[in-house]
């Protein structure tokens, strides 16, 4: 007697599919060199992360699936990018709220909520099924990057981005992100910079785990209340380094 299996049993759940993640150190090294010359080239960041992440994104996904809020987000699949693009709705939220602070941040930096989407497409080669849990989690982390800036207080300058990446290393344990931070430490060998990076890493260790945070619920709340809930300490004052000053440094070194 033969046993007939159902189609559902034969077909794996598409939402559970994950990519094959290969280490590509040579590709990462080339991208690191290009990023050192132009820290504003965000596509290179995604290239480095894709090339060196190894199994780190899968560990993040596994932890996300076990988290109570993470389970809720995977079930409901809210589109955080659509929420962040709706400036009118964010603008109607209370003064002093996370939403208002977020709008102030992106306006100050001259960026948009969807600014990282194209950079991520330019810097990656993998073709992933958009319906999978893996893509939902990785894209949600990408699309909330500037919310992480807002709650931590790090600006969008070169120093602030490096500090937030150090915070990310503590949160995501991703070797690709760690390689970018290490390269920055080797490039900017100043005590103040090193201290800021170290402080950011420790802050990331102490903070709540941010990937499964239900940002849609927190946006109307006072920024300081959100920081308290997420266990994020105020950012120490630091001297920002913008691209214009970075280019001037390169010009002086060449003379």
Protein backbone atom coordinates (compact mmCIF):
# COMPACT_ATOMS: atom_id res chain seq x y z
CA UNK A 1 0.00 0.00 0.00
CA UNK A 2 1.40 3.34 -1.00
CA UNK A 3 1.09 6.47 1.06
CA UNK A 4 -0.09 9.64 -0.65
CA UNK A 5 1.47 12.82 0.69
CA UNK A 6 -0.37 16.09 0.45
CA UNK A 7 0.94 18.93 -1.67
CA UNK A 8 1.35 21.00 1.49
CA UNK A 9 3.67 18.37 2.95
CA UNK A 10 5.75 18.22 -0.23
CA UNK A 11 6.06 21.98 -0.65
CA UNK A 12 8.12 23.87 1.94
CA UNK A 13 6.67 27.02 3.42
CA UNK A 14 7.99 29.88 1.29
CA UNK A 15 8.05 32.15 4.33
CA UNK A 16 10.64 29.87 5.94
CA UNK A 17 13.04 30.06 2.99
CA UNK A 18 16.46 31.59 3.68
CA UNK A 19 19.29 32.45 1.28
CA UNK A 20 22.58 30.63 0.98
CA UNK A 21 25.06 33.00 2.62
CA UNK A 22 28.62 32.76 1.31
CA UNK A 23 31.66 34.54 2.71
CA UNK A 24 33.32 36.70 0.04
CA UNK A 25 36.35 38.32 1.72
CA UNK A 26 38.00 39.56 -1.50
CA UNK A 27 34.81 41.33 -2.56
CA UNK A 28 34.46 42.80 0.93
CA UNK A 29 38.05 44.06 0.93
CA UNK A 30 37.56 45.90 -2.35
CA UNK A 31 34.38 47.48 -1.01
CA UNK A 32 36.10 48.48 2.25
CA UNK A 33 38.79 50.28 0.27
CA UNK A 34 36.19 52.16 -1.74
CA UNK A 35 34.21 53.01 1.39
CA UNK A 36 37.36 54.35 3.09
CA UNK A 37 37.79 56.75 0.17
CA UNK A 38 34.12 57.75 0.14
CA UNK A 39 32.29 57.08 3.45
CA UNK A 40 29.06 58.43 1.92
CA UNK A 41 28.84 55.53 -0.55
CA UNK A 42 26.17 53.59 1.32
CA UNK A 43 25.91 50.90 -1.36
CA UNK A 44 29.40 49.74 -0.36
CA UNK A 45 28.16 49.19 3.20
CA UNK A 46 25.55 46.74 1.92
CA UNK A 47 28.17 45.03 -0.25
CA UNK A 48 30.47 44.53 2.75
CA UNK A 49 27.67 43.30 4.98
CA UNK A 50 26.45 40.85 2.34
CA UNK A 51 30.00 39.58 1.77
CA UNK A 52 30.96 39.02 5.42
CA UNK A 53 27.76 38.40 7.38
CA UNK A 54 28.00 34.62 7.35
CA UNK A 55 25.28 33.09 9.51
CA UNK A 56 24.67 36.26 11.57
CA UNK A 57 21.44 37.27 9.76
CA UNK A 58 20.04 33.78 10.26
CA UNK A 59 20.75 34.00 13.99
CA UNK A 60 18.95 37.35 14.09
CA UNK A 61 16.00 35.79 12.28
CA UNK A 62 15.87 32.86 14.71
CA UNK A 63 15.90 35.20 17.71
CA UNK A 64 13.29 37.46 16.08
CA UNK A 65 10.98 34.46 15.61
CA UNK A 66 11.26 33.58 19.30
CA UNK A 67 10.59 37.11 20.55
CA UNK A 68 6.92 37.74 21.53
CA UNK A 69 6.77 41.07 19.68
CA UNK A 70 8.77 39.59 16.82
CA UNK A 71 6.16 36.84 16.43
CA UNK A 72 3.43 39.49 16.33
CA UNK A 73 5.27 41.50 13.69
CA UNK A 74 5.83 38.41 11.53
CA UNK A 75 2.12 37.59 11.77
CA UNK A 76 0.90 41.11 11.00
CA UNK A 77 3.78 42.24 8.73
CA UNK A 78 3.27 46.00 9.15
CA UNK A 79 4.95 48.09 6.46
CA UNK A 80 7.17 50.37 8.55
CA UNK A 81 8.48 52.16 5.47
CA UNK A 82 4.95 53.24 4.50
CA UNK A 83 4.50 54.61 8.01
CA UNK A 84 7.76 56.57 7.91
CA UNK A 85 7.07 57.99 4.45
CA UNK A 86 3.76 59.48 5.63
CA UNK A 87 5.09 62.80 6.85
CA UNK A 88 1.61 64.25 7.34
CA UNK A 89 0.64 61.50 9.79
CA UNK A 90 3.96 61.76 11.62
CA UNK A 91 3.65 65.53 11.76
CA UNK A 92 0.31 65.26 13.55
CA UNK A 93 1.83 63.28 16.40
CA UNK A 94 2.53 65.09 19.69
CA UNK A 95 5.33 67.58 20.11
CA UNK A 96 8.34 65.92 21.70
CA UNK A 97 7.35 62.51 20.37
CA UNK A 98 9.64 60.03 18.67
CA UNK A 99 7.85 60.83 15.40
CA UNK A 100 8.63 64.54 15.70
CA UNK A 101 12.26 63.81 16.60
CA UNK A 102 12.52 61.46 13.63
CA UNK A 103 11.20 64.11 11.23
CA UNK A 104 13.65 66.63 12.68
CA UNK A 105 16.51 64.17 12.14
CA UNK A 106 15.77 63.39 8.49
CA UNK A 107 15.14 67.07 7.72
CA UNK A 108 18.42 68.07 9.37
CA UNK A 109 20.30 65.41 7.42
CA UNK A 110 18.49 66.14 4.15
CA UNK A 111 17.43 62.52 3.66
CA UNK A 112 14.21 60.58 3.09
CA UNK A 113 12.68 57.55 4.76
CA UNK A 114 13.26 55.36 1.70
CA UNK A 115 16.79 56.59 1.00
CA UNK A 116 18.47 53.30 1.92
CA UNK A 117 16.29 51.15 -0.32
CA UNK A 118 18.11 51.90 -3.57
CA UNK A 119 21.51 51.76 -1.88
CA UNK A 120 20.71 48.27 -0.59
CA UNK A 121 19.67 47.16 -4.07
CA UNK A 122 22.83 48.64 -5.61
CA UNK A 123 25.12 47.01 -3.06
CA UNK A 124 23.69 43.50 -3.05
CA UNK A 125 23.67 40.66 -5.56
CA UNK A 126 21.32 38.17 -3.91
CA UNK A 127 17.83 37.78 -5.34
CA UNK A 128 15.53 37.05 -2.42
CA UNK A 129 11.87 36.11 -2.20
CA UNK A 130 10.15 39.21 -0.77
CA UNK A 131 7.53 37.05 0.98
CA UNK A 132 9.96 35.34 3.33
CA UNK A 133 10.42 36.06 7.03
CA UNK A 134 14.12 36.62 6.28
CA UNK A 135 13.44 39.52 3.92
CA UNK A 136 10.81 41.03 6.22
CA UNK A 137 13.25 41.11 9.14
CA UNK A 138 16.28 42.34 7.18
CA UNK A 139 14.28 45.05 5.42
CA UNK A 140 12.65 46.17 8.66
CA UNK A 141 16.09 46.60 10.24
CA UNK A 142 17.23 48.53 7.15
CA UNK A 143 14.14 50.75 7.05
CA UNK A 144 14.33 51.64 10.76
CA UNK A 145 18.01 52.68 10.56
CA UNK A 146 17.15 56.36 11.00
CA UNK A 147 14.88 55.56 13.94
CA UNK A 148 17.95 53.97 15.54
CA UNK A 149 19.78 57.25 14.83
CA UNK A 150 16.96 59.19 16.45
CA UNK A 151 16.74 57.19 19.66
CA UNK A 152 20.52 56.89 20.11
CA UNK A 153 21.20 60.53 19.25
CA UNK A 154 24.03 59.84 16.80
CA UNK A 155 23.98 62.24 13.87
CA UNK A 156 24.25 61.24 10.22
CA UNK A 157 27.84 62.44 9.86
CA UNK A 158 30.81 60.09 9.36
CA UNK A 159 31.52 59.83 13.10
CA UNK A 160 27.85 59.37 13.99
CA UNK A 161 27.38 56.65 11.39
CA UNK A 162 30.46 54.79 12.65
CA UNK A 163 29.17 55.04 16.22
CA UNK A 164 25.74 53.73 15.24
CA UNK A 165 27.40 50.85 13.39
CA UNK A 166 29.30 50.01 16.60
CA UNK A 167 25.94 50.02 18.41
CA UNK A 168 24.70 47.71 15.62
CA UNK A 169 27.59 45.30 16.17
CA UNK A 170 26.54 44.83 19.78
CA UNK A 171 22.93 44.29 18.71
CA UNK A 172 23.34 42.12 15.60
CA UNK A 173 26.76 40.45 16.10
CA UNK A 174 27.40 40.87 12.38
CA UNK A 175 31.04 40.43 11.20
CA UNK A 176 30.43 42.60 8.14
CA UNK A 177 29.36 45.56 10.24
CA UNK A 178 32.26 44.90 12.63
CA UNK A 179 34.70 45.06 9.70
CA UNK A 180 33.41 48.52 8.76
CA UNK A 181 33.78 49.76 12.34
CA UNK A 182 37.30 48.33 12.62
CA UNK A 183 38.28 50.00 9.34
CA UNK A 184 36.97 53.33 10.65
CA UNK A 185 38.99 52.92 13.87
CA UNK A 186 42.15 52.29 11.82
CA UNK A 187 41.41 55.25 9.59
CA UNK A 188 40.60 57.78 12.32
CA UNK A 189 43.18 57.10 15.02
CA UNK A 190 42.00 59.70 17.50
CA UNK A 191 41.34 58.99 21.15
CA UNK A 192 38.01 60.84 21.21
CA UNK A 193 36.77 58.86 18.21
CA UNK A 194 37.86 55.54 19.71
CA UNK A 195 36.15 56.37 23.00
CA UNK A 196 32.92 57.26 21.22
CA UNK A 197 32.98 53.99 19.27
CA UNK A 198 33.65 52.01 22.45
CA UNK A 199 30.84 53.83 24.26
CA UNK A 200 28.44 53.13 21.38
CA UNK A 201 29.26 49.42 21.47
CA UNK A 202 28.66 49.25 25.23
CA UNK A 203 25.40 51.19 24.84
CA UNK A 204 24.29 48.64 22.26
CA UNK A 205 25.06 45.83 24.70
CA UNK A 206 23.03 47.48 27.47
CA UNK A 207 20.05 48.49 25.34
CA UNK A 208 16.97 46.43 24.64
CA UNK A 209 17.20 44.33 21.50
CA UNK A 210 15.93 46.70 18.79
CA UNK A 211 15.16 44.47 15.75
CA UNK A 212 11.71 43.36 17.03
CA UNK A 213 10.73 46.73 18.50
CA UNK A 214 7.19 47.71 17.49
CA UNK A 215 8.13 51.18 16.31
CA UNK A 216 4.62 51.90 15.05
CA UNK A 217 3.43 51.85 18.68
CA UNK A 218 6.31 53.97 19.97
CA UNK A 219 6.20 56.76 17.38
CA UNK A 220 3.55 58.87 19.22
CA UNK A 221 5.28 58.53 22.60
CA UNK A 222 7.70 61.11 24.08
CA UNK A 223 11.25 60.50 22.88
CA UNK A 224 12.64 60.35 26.42
CA UNK A 225 10.03 57.76 27.39
CA UNK A 226 11.00 55.65 24.37
CA UNK A 227 14.67 55.87 25.34
CA UNK A 228 13.81 54.78 28.87
CA UNK A 229 11.79 51.80 27.61
CA UNK A 230 14.62 50.78 25.27
CA UNK A 231 17.33 51.37 27.92
CA UNK A 232 19.22 53.82 25.72
CA UNK A 233 21.41 56.37 27.49
CA UNK A 234 21.86 59.94 26.21
CA UNK A 235 24.60 60.22 23.59
CA UNK A 236 27.71 62.10 24.72
CA UNK A 237 28.53 65.29 22.84
CA UNK A 238 30.98 64.85 19.98
CA UNK A 239 32.36 66.85 17.06
CA UNK A 240 30.60 65.76 13.84
CA UNK A 241 32.69 65.07 10.73
CA UNK A 242 30.91 65.87 7.49
CA UNK A 243 32.01 64.79 4.02
CA UNK A 244 33.26 68.28 3.11
CA UNK A 245 35.65 68.25 6.08
CA UNK A 246 36.65 64.65 5.28
CA UNK A 247 37.59 65.67 1.74
CA UNK A 248 39.57 68.62 3.09
CA UNK A 249 41.48 66.21 5.35
CA UNK A 250 42.36 64.11 2.31
CA UNK A 251 43.50 67.14 0.37
CA UNK A 252 45.75 68.28 3.23
CA UNK A 253 47.25 64.81 3.58
CA UNK A 254 48.09 64.79 -0.13
CA UNK A 255 49.98 68.09 0.02
